[in-house]
Amino acid sequence: FLAQFVLYWYHRWIEKDKPDAKALQQTRDALLPLLQQLQKKAVEKKLLSSLAEFADLASQREYAQANDVYVGITIGKATWHTHLDLGEQRAHWGQGCSLRTMQ
Protein backbone atom coordinates (compact mmCIF):
# COMPACT_ATOMS: atom_id res chain seq x y z
CA PHE A 1 0.00 0.00 0.00
CA LEU A 2 2.70 2.52 0.94
CA ALA A 3 4.69 2.09 -2.27
CA GLN A 4 1.53 2.70 -4.31
CA PHE A 5 0.73 5.73 -2.15
CA VAL A 6 4.19 7.23 -2.74
CA LEU A 7 4.04 6.57 -6.49
CA TYR A 8 0.52 7.98 -6.77
CA TRP A 9 1.50 11.28 -5.13
CA TYR A 10 4.76 11.42 -7.07
CA HIS A 11 2.87 11.18 -10.37
CA ARG A 12 0.20 13.64 -9.19
CA TRP A 13 2.96 16.10 -8.32
CA ILE A 14 4.45 15.73 -11.82
CA GLU A 15 1.08 16.26 -13.49
CA LYS A 16 0.03 19.21 -11.33
CA ASP A 17 3.24 21.14 -10.67
CA LYS A 18 5.24 20.30 -13.80
CA PRO A 19 8.61 20.33 -11.97
CA ASP A 20 11.80 21.11 -13.85
CA ALA A 21 14.16 18.30 -14.79
CA LYS A 22 16.50 18.93 -11.85
CA ALA A 23 13.72 18.80 -9.23
CA LEU A 24 12.27 15.72 -10.89
CA GLN A 25 15.63 13.92 -10.82
CA GLN A 26 16.34 14.93 -7.20
CA THR A 27 12.93 13.68 -6.08
CA ARG A 28 13.29 10.44 -8.03
CA ASP A 29 16.75 9.88 -6.51
CA ALA A 30 15.41 10.57 -3.00
CA LEU A 31 12.39 8.26 -3.35
CA LEU A 32 14.16 5.32 -4.95
CA PRO A 33 15.81 4.00 -1.74
CA LEU A 34 12.51 4.25 0.13
CA LEU A 35 10.61 2.42 -2.60
CA GLN A 36 13.28 -0.30 -2.71
CA GLN A 37 13.10 -0.74 1.07
CA LEU A 38 9.31 -0.92 0.93
CA GLN A 39 9.48 -3.54 -1.82
CA LYS A 40 11.97 -5.64 0.15
CA LYS A 41 10.01 -5.07 3.39
CA ALA A 42 13.22 -3.71 4.91
CA VAL A 43 11.88 -0.47 6.41
CA GLU A 44 12.44 -0.20 10.15
CA LYS A 45 9.25 -0.54 12.18
CA LYS A 46 9.20 2.98 13.63
CA LEU A 47 9.55 4.58 10.19
CA LEU A 48 7.03 2.17 8.68
CA SER A 49 4.53 3.07 11.39
CA SER A 50 5.05 6.80 10.78
CA LEU A 51 4.72 6.37 7.01
CA ALA A 52 1.50 4.41 7.45
CA GLU A 53 0.12 7.10 9.77
CA PHE A 54 1.10 9.81 7.27
CA ALA A 55 -0.56 7.97 4.38
CA ASP A 56 -3.69 7.31 6.43
CA LEU A 57 -4.04 10.95 7.48
CA ALA A 58 -3.38 12.24 3.97
CA SER A 59 -5.95 9.84 2.49
CA GLN A 60 -8.48 11.18 5.03
CA ARG A 61 -7.54 14.75 3.95
CA GLU A 62 -6.23 15.54 7.41
CA TYR A 63 -3.38 17.49 5.87
CA ALA A 64 -2.32 19.49 8.94
CA GLN A 65 -1.94 16.32 11.01
CA ALA A 66 -0.22 14.56 8.10
CA ASN A 67 2.21 17.47 7.88
CA ASP A 68 3.03 17.08 11.58
CA VAL A 69 3.84 13.41 10.98
CA TYR A 70 5.93 14.35 7.91
CA VAL A 71 7.95 16.84 9.95
CA GLY A 72 8.48 14.15 12.58
CA ILE A 73 9.75 11.77 9.91
CA THR A 74 12.05 14.25 8.20
CA ILE A 75 13.54 16.33 11.02
CA GLY A 76 12.24 14.70 14.16
CA LYS A 77 11.49 16.60 17.32
CA ALA A 78 14.91 18.12 17.77
CA THR A 79 15.17 21.67 19.05
CA TRP A 80 16.45 23.89 16.29
CA HIS A 81 18.96 26.69 16.64
CA THR A 82 19.35 26.34 20.40
CA HIS A 83 22.64 28.22 20.17
CA LEU A 84 20.82 31.41 19.14
CA ASP A 85 19.68 33.88 21.75
CA LEU A 86 16.28 34.71 20.33
CA GLY A 87 16.04 37.74 22.58
CA GLU A 88 19.01 39.23 20.75
CA GLN A 89 17.44 39.11 17.28
CA ARG A 90 17.07 42.56 15.85
CA ALA A 91 15.32 43.24 12.59
CA HIS A 92 16.81 46.17 10.74
CA TRP A 93 14.75 47.53 7.92
CA GLY A 94 16.71 47.24 4.72
CA GLN A 95 19.62 45.56 6.50
CA GLY A 96 18.27 42.12 7.26
CA CYS A 97 18.41 40.55 10.68
CA SER A 98 21.36 40.32 13.02
CA LEU A 99 21.70 37.40 15.41
CA ARG A 100 24.14 36.94 18.27
CA THR A 101 25.14 33.42 19.15
CA MET A 102 25.51 32.31 22.73
CA GLN A 103 28.71 30.56 23.67
PDB file of N, CA and C in Angstrom:
ATOM      1  N   PHE A   1       0.813  -1.199   0.000  1.00  0.00           N
ATOM      2  CA  PHE A   1       0.000   0.000   0.000  1.00  0.00           C
ATOM      3  C   PHE A   1       0.858   1.265   0.000  1.00  0.00           C
ATOM      4  N   LEU A   2       1.901   1.310   0.830  1.00  0.00           N
ATOM      5  CA  LEU A   2       2.702   2.524   0.944  1.00  0.00           C
ATOM      6  C   LEU A   2       3.453   2.844  -0.344  1.00  0.00           C
ATOM      7  N   ALA A   3       3.983   1.838  -1.008  1.00  0.00           N
ATOM      8  CA  ALA A   3       4.693   2.087  -2.267  1.00  0.00           C
ATOM      9  C   ALA A   3       3.733   2.683  -3.297  1.00  0.00           C
ATOM     10  N   GLN A   4       2.522   2.158  -3.376  1.00  0.00           N
ATOM     11  CA  GLN A   4       1.531   2.701  -4.311  1.00  0.00           C
ATOM     12  C   GLN A   4       1.153   4.125  -3.935  1.00  0.00           C
ATOM     13  N   PHE A   5       1.048   4.385  -2.633  1.00  0.00           N
ATOM     14  CA  PHE A   5       0.732   5.729  -2.154  1.00  0.00           C
ATOM     15  C   PHE A   5       1.813   6.714  -2.592  1.00  0.00           C
ATOM     16  N   VAL A   6       3.068   6.362  -2.372  1.00  0.00           N
ATOM     17  CA  VAL A   6       4.194   7.234  -2.745  1.00  0.00           C
ATOM     18  C   VAL A   6       4.193   7.479  -4.253  1.00  0.00           C
ATOM     19  N   LEU A   7       4.038   6.418  -5.024  1.00  0.00           N
ATOM     20  CA  LEU A   7       4.044   6.571  -6.485  1.00  0.00           C
ATOM     21  C   LEU A   7       2.858   7.392  -6.986  1.00  0.00           C
ATOM     22  N   TYR A   8       1.700   7.203  -6.374  1.00  0.00           N
ATOM     23  CA  TYR A   8       0.517   7.978  -6.765  1.00  0.00           C
ATOM     24  C   TYR A   8       0.781   9.472  -6.580  1.00  0.00           C
ATOM     25  N   TRP A   9       1.261   9.868  -5.389  1.00  0.00           N
ATOM     26  CA  TRP A   9       1.498  11.281  -5.135  1.00  0.00           C
ATOM     27  C   TRP A   9       2.665  11.830  -5.939  1.00  0.00           C
ATOM     28  N   TYR A  10       3.644  11.005  -6.221  1.00  0.00           N
ATOM     29  CA  TYR A  10       4.760  11.422  -7.072  1.00  0.00           C
ATOM     30  C   TYR A  10       4.235  11.777  -8.468  1.00  0.00           C
ATOM     31  N   HIS A  11       3.408  10.925  -9.035  1.00  0.00           N
ATOM     32  CA  HIS A  11       2.871  11.183 -10.374  1.00  0.00           C
ATOM     33  C   HIS A  11       1.882  12.346 -10.369  1.00  0.00           C
ATOM     34  N   ARG A  12       1.114  12.490  -9.288  1.00  0.00           N
ATOM     35  CA  ARG A  12       0.202  13.643  -9.185  1.00  0.00           C
ATOM     36  C   ARG A  12       1.002  14.944  -9.141  1.00  0.00           C
ATOM     37  N   TRP A  13       2.108  14.924  -8.416  1.00  0.00           N
ATOM     38  CA  TRP A  13       2.958  16.104  -8.321  1.00  0.00           C
ATOM     39  C   TRP A  13       3.501  16.475  -9.699  1.00  0.00           C
ATOM     40  N   ILE A  14       3.931  15.481 -10.476  1.00  0.00           N
ATOM     41  CA  ILE A  14       4.450  15.733 -11.817  1.00  0.00           C
ATOM     42  C   ILE A  14       3.373  16.341 -12.700  1.00  0.00           C
ATOM     43  N   GLU A  15       2.174  15.761 -12.653  1.00  0.00           N
ATOM     44  CA  GLU A  15       1.076  16.262 -13.487  1.00  0.00           C
ATOM     45  C   GLU A  15       0.659  17.671 -13.103  1.00  0.00           C
ATOM     46  N   LYS A  16       0.560  17.929 -11.796  1.00  0.00           N
ATOM     47  CA  LYS A  16       0.028  19.207 -11.333  1.00  0.00           C
ATOM     48  C   LYS A  16       1.061  20.330 -11.374  1.00  0.00           C
ATOM     49  N   ASP A  17       2.252  20.077 -10.828  1.00  0.00           N
ATOM     50  CA  ASP A  17       3.236  21.144 -10.672  1.00  0.00           C
ATOM     51  C   ASP A  17       4.222  21.285 -11.818  1.00  0.00           C
ATOM     52  N   LYS A  18       4.316  20.272 -12.662  1.00  0.00           N
ATOM     53  CA  LYS A  18       5.241  20.298 -13.798  1.00  0.00           C
ATOM     54  C   LYS A  18       6.644  20.726 -13.365  1.00  0.00           C
ATOM     55  N   PRO A  19       7.280  19.940 -12.474  1.00  0.00           N
ATOM     56  CA  PRO A  19       8.608  20.326 -11.972  1.00  0.00           C
ATOM     57  C   PRO A  19       9.657  20.316 -13.082  1.00  0.00           C
ATOM     58  N   ASP A  20      10.709  21.104 -12.867  1.00  0.00           N
ATOM     59  CA  ASP A  20      11.795  21.111 -13.850  1.00  0.00           C
ATOM     60  C   ASP A  20      12.580  19.800 -13.743  1.00  0.00           C
ATOM     61  N   ALA A  21      13.438  19.567 -14.699  1.00  0.00           N
ATOM     62  CA  ALA A  21      14.161  18.298 -14.787  1.00  0.00           C
ATOM     63  C   ALA A  21      15.026  18.044 -13.553  1.00  0.00           C
ATOM     64  N   LYS A  22      15.638  19.102 -13.012  1.00  0.00           N
ATOM     65  CA  LYS A  22      16.499  18.933 -11.848  1.00  0.00           C
ATOM     66  C   LYS A  22      15.686  18.499 -10.624  1.00  0.00           C
ATOM     67  N   ALA A  23      14.567  19.161 -10.373  1.00  0.00           N
ATOM     68  CA  ALA A  23      13.717  18.803  -9.232  1.00  0.00           C
ATOM     69  C   ALA A  23      13.162  17.397  -9.398  1.00  0.00           C
ATOM     70  N   LEU A  24      12.793  17.057 -10.611  1.00  0.00           N
ATOM     71  CA  LEU A  24      12.271  15.722 -10.894  1.00  0.00           C
ATOM     72  C   LEU A  24      13.321  14.657 -10.602  1.00  0.00           C
ATOM     73  N   GLN A  25      14.551  14.886 -11.043  1.00  0.00           N
ATOM     74  CA  GLN A  25      15.628  13.922 -10.815  1.00  0.00           C
ATOM     75  C   GLN A  25      15.978  13.816  -9.330  1.00  0.00           C
ATOM     76  N   GLN A  26      16.034  14.946  -8.632  1.00  0.00           N
ATOM     77  CA  GLN A  26      16.338  14.931  -7.204  1.00  0.00           C
ATOM     78  C   GLN A  26      15.275  14.159  -6.422  1.00  0.00           C
ATOM     79  N   THR A  27      14.023  14.370  -6.771  1.00  0.00           N
ATOM     80  CA  THR A  27      12.932  13.681  -6.085  1.00  0.00           C
ATOM     81  C   THR A  27      12.970  12.193  -6.384  1.00  0.00           C
ATOM     82  N   ARG A  28      13.201  11.858  -7.643  1.00  0.00           N
ATOM     83  CA  ARG A  28      13.294  10.442  -8.026  1.00  0.00           C
ATOM     84  C   ARG A  28      14.436   9.764  -7.276  1.00  0.00           C
ATOM     85  N   ASP A  29      15.597  10.433  -7.207  1.00  0.00           N
ATOM     86  CA  ASP A  29      16.752   9.877  -6.508  1.00  0.00           C
ATOM     87  C   ASP A  29      16.475   9.703  -5.009  1.00  0.00           C
ATOM     88  N   ALA A  30      15.711  10.639  -4.436  1.00  0.00           N
ATOM     89  CA  ALA A  30      15.412  10.565  -3.004  1.00  0.00           C
ATOM     90  C   ALA A  30      14.389   9.474  -2.691  1.00  0.00           C
ATOM     91  N   LEU A  31      13.449   9.254  -3.590  1.00  0.00           N
ATOM     92  CA  LEU A  31      12.392   8.263  -3.348  1.00  0.00           C
ATOM     93  C   LEU A  31      12.823   6.834  -3.650  1.00  0.00           C
ATOM     94  N   LEU A  32      13.767   6.666  -4.534  1.00  0.00           N
ATOM     95  CA  LEU A  32      14.162   5.320  -4.950  1.00  0.00           C
ATOM     96  C   LEU A  32      14.574   4.425  -3.783  1.00  0.00           C
ATOM     97  N   PRO A  33      15.445   4.878  -2.865  1.00  0.00           N
ATOM     98  CA  PRO A  33      15.809   4.001  -1.745  1.00  0.00           C
ATOM     99  C   PRO A  33      14.600   3.613  -0.871  1.00  0.00           C
ATOM    100  N   LEU A  34      13.704   4.554  -0.656  1.00  0.00           N
ATOM    101  CA  LEU A  34      12.506   4.249   0.131  1.00  0.00           C
ATOM    102  C   LEU A  34      11.653   3.202  -0.568  1.00  0.00           C
ATOM    103  N   LEU A  35      11.430   3.377  -1.851  1.00  0.00           N
ATOM    104  CA  LEU A  35      10.614   2.415  -2.603  1.00  0.00           C
ATOM    105  C   LEU A  35      11.263   1.033  -2.620  1.00  0.00           C
ATOM    106  N   GLN A  36      12.579   0.990  -2.727  1.00  0.00           N
ATOM    107  CA  GLN A  36      13.280  -0.296  -2.706  1.00  0.00           C
ATOM    108  C   GLN A  36      13.136  -0.964  -1.339  1.00  0.00           C
ATOM    109  N   GLN A  37      13.261  -0.183  -0.285  1.00  0.00           N
ATOM    110  CA  GLN A  37      13.095  -0.738   1.066  1.00  0.00           C
ATOM    111  C   GLN A  37      11.670  -1.234   1.287  1.00  0.00           C
ATOM    112  N   LEU A  38      10.699  -0.485   0.791  1.00  0.00           N
ATOM    113  CA  LEU A  38       9.307  -0.924   0.927  1.00  0.00           C
ATOM    114  C   LEU A  38       9.080  -2.231   0.177  1.00  0.00           C
ATOM    115  N   GLN A  39       9.639  -2.328  -1.020  1.00  0.00           N
ATOM    116  CA  GLN A  39       9.475  -3.541  -1.824  1.00  0.00           C
ATOM    117  C   GLN A  39      10.101  -4.755  -1.135  1.00  0.00           C
ATOM    118  N   LYS A  40      11.266  -4.539  -0.513  1.00  0.00           N
ATOM    119  CA  LYS A  40      11.967  -5.636   0.154  1.00  0.00           C
ATOM    120  C   LYS A  40      11.464  -5.868   1.583  1.00  0.00           C
ATOM    121  N   LYS A  41      10.526  -5.026   2.017  1.00  0.00           N
ATOM    122  CA  LYS A  41      10.009  -5.070   3.393  1.00  0.00           C
ATOM    123  C   LYS A  41      11.153  -4.909   4.398  1.00  0.00           C
ATOM    124  N   ALA A  42      12.035  -3.950   4.094  1.00  0.00           N
ATOM    125  CA  ALA A  42      13.218  -3.713   4.909  1.00  0.00           C
ATOM    126  C   ALA A  42      13.179  -2.363   5.628  1.00  0.00           C
ATOM    127  N   VAL A  43      12.005  -1.758   5.729  1.00  0.00           N
ATOM    128  CA  VAL A  43      11.876  -0.474   6.410  1.00  0.00           C
ATOM    129  C   VAL A  43      11.765  -0.740   7.908  1.00  0.00           C
ATOM    130  N   GLU A  44      12.508   0.023   8.709  1.00  0.00           N
ATOM    131  CA  GLU A  44      12.436  -0.199  10.147  1.00  0.00           C
ATOM    132  C   GLU A  44      11.024   0.112  10.660  1.00  0.00           C
ATOM    133  N   LYS A  45      10.634  -0.576  11.705  1.00  0.00           N
ATOM    134  CA  LYS A  45       9.251  -0.539  12.181  1.00  0.00           C
ATOM    135  C   LYS A  45       8.767   0.857  12.555  1.00  0.00           C
ATOM    136  N   LYS A  46       9.615   1.633  13.222  1.00  0.00           N
ATOM    137  CA  LYS A  46       9.199   2.981  13.631  1.00  0.00           C
ATOM    138  C   LYS A  46       8.897   3.850  12.409  1.00  0.00           C
ATOM    139  N   LEU A  47       9.774   3.805  11.411  1.00  0.00           N
ATOM    140  CA  LEU A  47       9.553   4.578  10.190  1.00  0.00           C
ATOM    141  C   LEU A  47       8.328   4.066   9.446  1.00  0.00           C
ATOM    142  N   LEU A  48       8.182   2.763   9.364  1.00  0.00           N
ATOM    143  CA  LEU A  48       7.031   2.172   8.683  1.00  0.00           C
ATOM    144  C   LEU A  48       5.731   2.612   9.341  1.00  0.00           C
ATOM    145  N   SER A  49       5.714   2.630  10.653  1.00  0.00           N
ATOM    146  CA  SER A  49       4.531   3.073  11.389  1.00  0.00           C
ATOM    147  C   SER A  49       4.221   4.535  11.090  1.00  0.00           C
ATOM    148  N   SER A  50       5.246   5.371  11.076  1.00  0.00           N
ATOM    149  CA  SER A  50       5.048   6.798  10.777  1.00  0.00           C
ATOM    150  C   SER A  50       4.579   7.004   9.337  1.00  0.00           C
ATOM    151  N   LEU A  51       5.152   6.260   8.412  1.00  0.00           N
ATOM    152  CA  LEU A  51       4.722   6.372   7.014  1.00  0.00           C
ATOM    153  C   LEU A  51       3.272   5.945   6.840  1.00  0.00           C
ATOM    154  N   ALA A  52       2.887   4.880   7.526  1.00  0.00           N
ATOM    155  CA  ALA A  52       1.499   4.406   7.449  1.00  0.00           C
ATOM    156  C   ALA A  52       0.553   5.449   8.040  1.00  0.00           C
ATOM    157  N   GLU A  53       0.949   6.049   9.160  1.00  0.00           N
ATOM    158  CA  GLU A  53       0.124   7.097   9.770  1.00  0.00           C
ATOM    159  C   GLU A  53      -0.002   8.288   8.835  1.00  0.00           C
ATOM    160  N   PHE A  54       1.114   8.694   8.217  1.00  0.00           N
ATOM    161  CA  PHE A  54       1.098   9.809   7.268  1.00  0.00           C
ATOM    162  C   PHE A  54       0.156   9.521   6.096  1.00  0.00           C
ATOM    163  N   ALA A  55       0.279   8.341   5.513  1.00  0.00           N
ATOM    164  CA  ALA A  55      -0.563   7.969   4.377  1.00  0.00           C
ATOM    165  C   ALA A  55      -2.033   7.928   4.774  1.00  0.00           C
ATOM    166  N   ASP A  56      -2.312   7.388   5.952  1.00  0.00           N
ATOM    167  CA  ASP A  56      -3.687   7.312   6.427  1.00  0.00           C
ATOM    168  C   ASP A  56      -4.282   8.704   6.615  1.00  0.00           C
ATOM    169  N   LEU A  57      -3.550   9.584   7.269  1.00  0.00           N
ATOM    170  CA  LEU A  57      -4.042  10.951   7.484  1.00  0.00           C
ATOM    171  C   LEU A  57      -4.224  11.697   6.165  1.00  0.00           C
ATOM    172  N   ALA A  58      -3.283  11.553   5.258  1.00  0.00           N
ATOM    173  CA  ALA A  58      -3.383  12.236   3.967  1.00  0.00           C
ATOM    174  C   ALA A  58      -4.575  11.713   3.171  1.00  0.00           C
ATOM    175  N   SER A  59      -4.806  10.401   3.230  1.00  0.00           N
ATOM    176  CA  SER A  59      -5.949   9.842   2.488  1.00  0.00           C
ATOM    177  C   SER A  59      -7.275  10.286   3.087  1.00  0.00           C
ATOM    178  N   GLN A  60      -7.266  10.660   4.377  1.00  0.00           N
ATOM    179  CA  GLN A  60      -8.475  11.183   5.028  1.00  0.00           C
ATOM    180  C   GLN A  60      -8.566  12.706   4.899  1.00  0.00           C
ATOM    181  N   ARG A  61      -7.637  13.298   4.176  1.00  0.00           N
ATOM    182  CA  ARG A  61      -7.544  14.749   3.954  1.00  0.00           C
ATOM    183  C   ARG A  61      -7.311  15.524   5.245  1.00  0.00           C
ATOM    184  N   GLU A  62      -6.640  14.891   6.165  1.00  0.00           N
ATOM    185  CA  GLU A  62      -6.226  15.542   7.409  1.00  0.00           C
ATOM    186  C   GLU A  62      -4.797  16.046   7.198  1.00  0.00           C
ATOM    187  N   TYR A  63      -4.690  17.061   6.340  1.00  0.00           N
ATOM    188  CA  TYR A  63      -3.382  17.490   5.872  1.00  0.00           C
ATOM    189  C   TYR A  63      -2.516  18.127   6.958  1.00  0.00           C
ATOM    190  N   ALA A  64      -3.105  18.870   7.871  1.00  0.00           N
ATOM    191  CA  ALA A  64      -2.319  19.491   8.940  1.00  0.00           C
ATOM    192  C   ALA A  64      -1.692  18.419   9.831  1.00  0.00           C
ATOM    193  N   GLN A  65      -2.469  17.411  10.190  1.00  0.00           N
ATOM    194  CA  GLN A  65      -1.939  16.324  11.006  1.00  0.00           C
ATOM    195  C   GLN A  65      -0.914  15.510  10.221  1.00  0.00           C
ATOM    196  N   ALA A  66      -1.177  15.289   8.940  1.00  0.00           N
ATOM    197  CA  ALA A  66      -0.222  14.562   8.096  1.00  0.00           C
ATOM    198  C   ALA A  66       1.091  15.331   8.008  1.00  0.00           C
ATOM    199  N   ASN A  67       1.005  16.654   7.928  1.00  0.00           N
ATOM    200  CA  ASN A  67       2.210  17.472   7.882  1.00  0.00           C
ATOM    201  C   ASN A  67       3.015  17.331   9.173  1.00  0.00           C
ATOM    202  N   ASP A  68       2.333  17.271  10.307  1.00  0.00           N
ATOM    203  CA  ASP A  68       3.033  17.075  11.576  1.00  0.00           C
ATOM    204  C   ASP A  68       3.793  15.753  11.583  1.00  0.00           C
ATOM    205  N   VAL A  69       3.180  14.714  11.059  1.00  0.00           N
ATOM    206  CA  VAL A  69       3.840  13.408  10.979  1.00  0.00           C
ATOM    207  C   VAL A  69       5.025  13.493  10.025  1.00  0.00           C
ATOM    208  N   TYR A  70       4.846  14.177   8.886  1.00  0.00           N
ATOM    209  CA  TYR A  70       5.928  14.349   7.913  1.00  0.00           C
ATOM    210  C   TYR A  70       7.129  15.052   8.551  1.00  0.00           C
ATOM    211  N   VAL A  71       6.867  16.116   9.286  1.00  0.00           N
ATOM    212  CA  VAL A  71       7.947  16.839   9.955  1.00  0.00           C
ATOM    213  C   VAL A  71       8.651  15.917  10.940  1.00  0.00           C
ATOM    214  N   GLY A  72       7.881  15.109  11.654  1.00  0.00           N
ATOM    215  CA  GLY A  72       8.479  14.149  12.576  1.00  0.00           C
ATOM    216  C   GLY A  72       9.360  13.142  11.873  1.00  0.00           C
ATOM    217  N   ILE A  73       8.959  12.730  10.689  1.00  0.00           N
ATOM    218  CA  ILE A  73       9.753  11.771   9.912  1.00  0.00           C
ATOM    219  C   ILE A  73      11.031  12.424   9.398  1.00  0.00           C
ATOM    220  N   THR A  74      10.912  13.635   8.883  1.00  0.00           N
ATOM    221  CA  THR A  74      12.049  14.255   8.205  1.00  0.00           C
ATOM    222  C   THR A  74      13.057  14.905   9.135  1.00  0.00           C
ATOM    223  N   ILE A  75      12.593  15.651  10.144  1.00  0.00           N
ATOM    224  CA  ILE A  75      13.543  16.334  11.018  1.00  0.00           C
ATOM    225  C   ILE A  75      13.412  15.927  12.474  1.00  0.00           C
ATOM    226  N   GLY A  76      12.415  15.158  12.791  1.00  0.00           N
ATOM    227  CA  GLY A  76      12.242  14.704  14.164  1.00  0.00           C
ATOM    228  C   GLY A  76      11.748  15.810  15.069  1.00  0.00           C
ATOM    229  N   LYS A  77      11.961  15.624  16.339  1.00  0.00           N
ATOM    230  CA  LYS A  77      11.487  16.599  17.322  1.00  0.00           C
ATOM    231  C   LYS A  77      12.639  17.347  17.960  1.00  0.00           C
ATOM    232  N   ALA A  78      13.733  17.435  17.245  1.00  0.00           N
ATOM    233  CA  ALA A  78      14.913  18.122  17.772  1.00  0.00           C
ATOM    234  C   ALA A  78      14.650  19.617  17.891  1.00  0.00           C
ATOM    235  N   THR A  79      15.250  20.221  18.890  1.00  0.00           N
ATOM    236  CA  THR A  79      15.169  21.667  19.046  1.00  0.00           C
ATOM    237  C   THR A  79      16.137  22.296  18.056  1.00  0.00           C
ATOM    238  N   TRP A  80      15.643  23.256  17.318  1.00  0.00           N
ATOM    239  CA  TRP A  80      16.455  23.893  16.288  1.00  0.00           C
ATOM    240  C   TRP A  80      17.071  25.175  16.801  1.00  0.00           C
ATOM    241  N   HIS A  81      18.273  25.423  16.399  1.00  0.00           N
ATOM    242  CA  HIS A  81      18.963  26.693  16.643  1.00  0.00           C
ATOM    243  C   HIS A  81      18.999  27.043  18.124  1.00  0.00           C
ATOM    244  N   THR A  82      19.294  26.076  18.966  1.00  0.00           N
ATOM    245  CA  THR A  82      19.348  26.337  20.396  1.00  0.00           C
ATOM    246  C   THR A  82      20.522  27.237  20.756  1.00  0.00           C
ATOM    247  N   HIS A  83      21.485  27.366  19.880  1.00  0.00           N
ATOM    248  CA  HIS A  83      22.642  28.216  20.166  1.00  0.00           C
ATOM    249  C   HIS A  83      22.354  29.695  19.908  1.00  0.00           C
ATOM    250  N   LEU A  84      21.170  30.021  19.405  1.00  0.00           N
ATOM    251  CA  LEU A  84      20.824  31.410  19.140  1.00  0.00           C
ATOM    252  C   LEU A  84      20.069  31.985  20.326  1.00  0.00           C
ATOM    253  N   ASP A  85      20.415  33.173  20.716  1.00  0.00           N
ATOM    254  CA  ASP A  85      19.679  33.877  21.752  1.00  0.00           C
ATOM    255  C   ASP A  85      18.564  34.644  21.051  1.00  0.00           C
ATOM    256  N   LEU A  86      17.365  34.112  21.085  1.00  0.00           N
ATOM    257  CA  LEU A  86      16.276  34.709  20.332  1.00  0.00           C
ATOM    258  C   LEU A  86      15.938  36.103  20.825  1.00  0.00           C
ATOM    259  N   GLY A  87      16.272  36.400  22.065  1.00  0.00           N
ATOM    260  CA  GLY A  87      16.043  37.744  22.579  1.00  0.00           C
ATOM    261  C   GLY A  87      16.981  38.771  21.967  1.00  0.00           C
ATOM    262  N   GLU A  88      18.033  38.324  21.339  1.00  0.00           N
ATOM    263  CA  GLU A  88      19.006  39.231  20.746  1.00  0.00           C
ATOM    264  C   GLU A  88      18.771  39.462  19.252  1.00  0.00           C
ATOM    265  N   GLN A  89      17.720  38.876  18.699  1.00  0.00           N
ATOM    266  CA  GLN A  89      17.440  39.107  17.284  1.00  0.00           C
ATOM    267  C   GLN A  89      16.967  40.542  17.110  1.00  0.00           C
ATOM    268  N   ARG A  90      17.486  41.189  16.145  1.00  0.00           N
ATOM    269  CA  ARG A  90      17.072  42.560  15.852  1.00  0.00           C
ATOM    270  C   ARG A  90      16.843  42.679  14.352  1.00  0.00           C
ATOM    271  N   ALA A  91      15.624  43.024  14.005  1.00  0.00           N
ATOM    272  CA  ALA A  91      15.325  43.239  12.591  1.00  0.00           C
ATOM    273  C   ALA A  91      15.693  44.674  12.249  1.00  0.00           C
ATOM    274  N   HIS A  92      16.412  44.848  11.203  1.00  0.00           N
ATOM    275  CA  HIS A  92      16.815  46.169  10.741  1.00  0.00           C
ATOM    276  C   HIS A  92      16.263  46.357   9.344  1.00  0.00           C
ATOM    277  N   TRP A  93      15.373  47.307   9.214  1.00  0.00           N
ATOM    278  CA  TRP A  93      14.755  47.532   7.916  1.00  0.00           C
ATOM    279  C   TRP A  93      15.817  47.810   6.875  1.00  0.00           C
ATOM    280  N   GLY A  94      15.781  47.050   5.804  1.00  0.00           N
ATOM    281  CA  GLY A  94      16.711  47.235   4.717  1.00  0.00           C
ATOM    282  C   GLY A  94      18.080  46.628   4.962  1.00  0.00           C
ATOM    283  N   GLN A  95      18.310  46.116   6.190  1.00  0.00           N
ATOM    284  CA  GLN A  95      19.624  45.562   6.501  1.00  0.00           C
ATOM    285  C   GLN A  95      19.553  44.116   6.961  1.00  0.00           C
ATOM    286  N   GLY A  96      18.404  43.504   6.862  1.00  0.00           N
ATOM    287  CA  GLY A  96      18.265  42.122   7.260  1.00  0.00           C
ATOM    288  C   GLY A  96      18.133  41.963   8.755  1.00  0.00           C
ATOM    289  N   CYS A  97      18.551  40.861   9.269  1.00  0.00           N
ATOM    290  CA  CYS A  97      18.414  40.547  10.684  1.00  0.00           C
ATOM    291  C   CYS A  97      19.768  40.169  11.237  1.00  0.00           C
ATOM    292  N   SER A  98      20.081  40.665  12.409  1.00  0.00           N
ATOM    293  CA  SER A  98      21.357  40.318  13.016  1.00  0.00           C
ATOM    294  C   SER A  98      21.093  39.416  14.212  1.00  0.00           C
ATOM    295  N   LEU A  99      21.859  38.348  14.319  1.00  0.00           N
ATOM    296  CA  LEU A  99      21.704  37.398  15.411  1.00  0.00           C
ATOM    297  C   LEU A  99      23.018  37.272  16.154  1.00  0.00           C
ATOM    298  N   ARG A 100      22.956  37.208  17.466  1.00  0.00           N
ATOM    299  CA  ARG A 100      24.136  36.935  18.267  1.00  0.00           C
ATOM    300  C   ARG A 100      24.053  35.495  18.744  1.00  0.00           C
ATOM    301  N   THR A 101      25.139  34.797  18.644  1.00  0.00           N
ATOM    302  CA  THR A 101      25.139  33.422  19.154  1.00  0.00           C
ATOM    303  C   THR A 101      25.625  33.415  20.585  1.00  0.00           C
ATOM    304  N   MET A 102      25.102  32.471  21.337  1.00  0.00           N
ATOM    305  CA  MET A 102      25.512  32.308  22.731  1.00  0.00           C
ATOM    306  C   MET A 102      26.614  31.262  22.779  1.00  0.00           C
ATOM    307  N   GLN A 103      27.601  31.501  23.540  1.00  0.00           N
ATOM    308  CA  GLN A 103      28.713  30.558  23.670  1.00  0.00           C
ATOM    309  C   GLN A 103      28.600  29.800  24.957  1.00  0.00           C
TER     310      GLN A 103
END
